[in-house]
Amino acid sequence: MGLGGIHPIQLIIVLVLVLLFFGGRGKISAMMTDLASGVKSFRKGLQDEEEDDKPASSEPKKLNSKGEPINVTPSKDETKV
């Protein structure tokens, strides 16, 4: 028996876990930082896709005096002078 009923193997396991979580040159904190930046870039990518899905023309259509839409695109039949 070890210290107060704690076996040496249990003490070693606890020390290894403490080193993993709080020590070891910040491996866990570096992994968590990488995970957070990955989640942040994923969310930003989702927002960019949602903005791309919006219609490009947000301007209202031009109407003539009769209330009909005006064709503002040039037709192919017109020739330049």
Protein backbone atom coordinates (compact mmCIF):
# COMPACT_ATOMS: atom_id res chain seq x y z
CA MET A 1 0.00 0.00 0.00
CA GLY A 2 1.10 3.52 -0.70
CA LEU A 3 0.15 6.79 0.88
CA GLY A 4 -3.16 6.53 2.73
CA GLY A 5 -4.59 3.75 0.57
CA ILE A 6 -3.42 5.20 -2.77
CA HIS A 7 -1.48 2.71 -4.85
CA PRO A 8 1.62 3.92 -6.69
CA ILE A 9 0.05 3.09 -10.06
CA GLN A 10 -2.93 5.32 -9.25
CA LEU A 11 -0.56 8.13 -8.28
CA ILE A 12 1.31 7.75 -11.57
CA ILE A 13 -1.93 7.85 -13.56
CA VAL A 14 -3.05 11.00 -11.77
CA LEU A 15 0.33 12.67 -12.37
CA VAL A 16 0.23 11.79 -16.07
CA LEU A 17 -3.26 13.25 -16.39
CA VAL A 18 -2.22 16.43 -14.58
CA LEU A 19 0.78 16.78 -16.90
CA LEU A 20 -1.42 16.30 -19.95
CA PHE A 21 -3.98 18.89 -18.90
CA PHE A 22 -1.78 21.55 -17.28
CA GLY A 23 1.78 20.92 -18.38
CA GLY A 24 3.67 19.34 -21.19
CA ARG A 25 4.63 22.58 -22.97
CA GLY A 26 1.00 23.58 -23.53
CA LYS A 27 0.05 20.76 -25.87
CA ILE A 28 -3.56 20.70 -24.70
CA SER A 29 -3.89 24.48 -24.81
CA ALA A 30 -2.36 24.53 -28.31
CA MET A 31 -4.82 21.87 -29.46
CA MET A 32 -7.75 23.79 -27.99
CA THR A 33 -6.54 26.99 -29.69
CA ASP A 34 -6.35 25.18 -33.02
CA LEU A 35 -9.81 23.73 -32.47
CA ALA A 36 -11.26 27.15 -31.66
CA SER A 37 -9.71 28.74 -34.74
CA GLY A 38 -11.02 25.88 -36.87
CA VAL A 39 -14.55 26.35 -35.55
CA LYS A 40 -14.30 30.10 -36.11
CA SER A 41 -13.18 29.70 -39.73
CA PHE A 42 -15.93 27.10 -40.30
CA ARG A 43 -18.58 29.54 -39.07
CA LYS A 44 -17.10 32.32 -41.21
CA GLY A 45 -17.26 30.02 -44.23
CA LEU A 46 -20.91 29.28 -43.55
CA GLN A 47 -21.70 33.00 -43.33
CA ASP A 48 -19.86 33.66 -46.59
CA GLU A 49 -21.91 30.98 -48.35
CA GLU A 50 -25.15 32.47 -47.02
CA GLU A 51 -24.14 35.89 -48.39
CA ASP A 52 -23.37 34.33 -51.77
CA ASP A 53 -26.82 32.73 -51.88
CA LYS A 54 -28.56 36.11 -51.66
CA PRO A 55 -29.78 37.53 -54.99
CA ALA A 56 -27.25 39.80 -56.67
CA SER A 57 -29.69 42.50 -57.77
CA SER A 58 -31.22 44.13 -54.77
CA GLU A 59 -32.20 47.22 -56.78
CA PRO A 60 -35.89 47.65 -57.54
CA LYS A 61 -36.95 47.16 -61.15
CA LYS A 62 -37.50 50.32 -63.15
CA LEU A 63 -41.08 50.88 -64.28
CA ASN A 64 -42.38 53.05 -67.11
CA SER A 65 -45.39 55.34 -66.76
CA LYS A 66 -47.77 52.45 -67.43
CA GLY A 67 -46.35 50.45 -64.54
CA GLU A 68 -44.65 47.90 -66.79
CA PRO A 69 -41.00 46.94 -66.32
CA ILE A 70 -38.51 48.55 -68.70
CA ASN A 71 -36.08 46.28 -70.52
CA VAL A 72 -32.65 47.76 -69.78
CA THR A 73 -30.58 45.02 -71.40
CA PRO A 74 -29.55 45.68 -75.01
CA SER A 75 -30.98 43.34 -77.57
CA LYS A 76 -28.71 41.43 -79.94
CA ASP A 77 -30.48 42.77 -83.05
CA GLU A 78 -29.41 46.38 -82.51
CA THR A 79 -26.46 47.52 -84.57
CA LYS A 80 -24.03 50.20 -83.52
CA VAL A 81 -23.72 53.29 -85.67
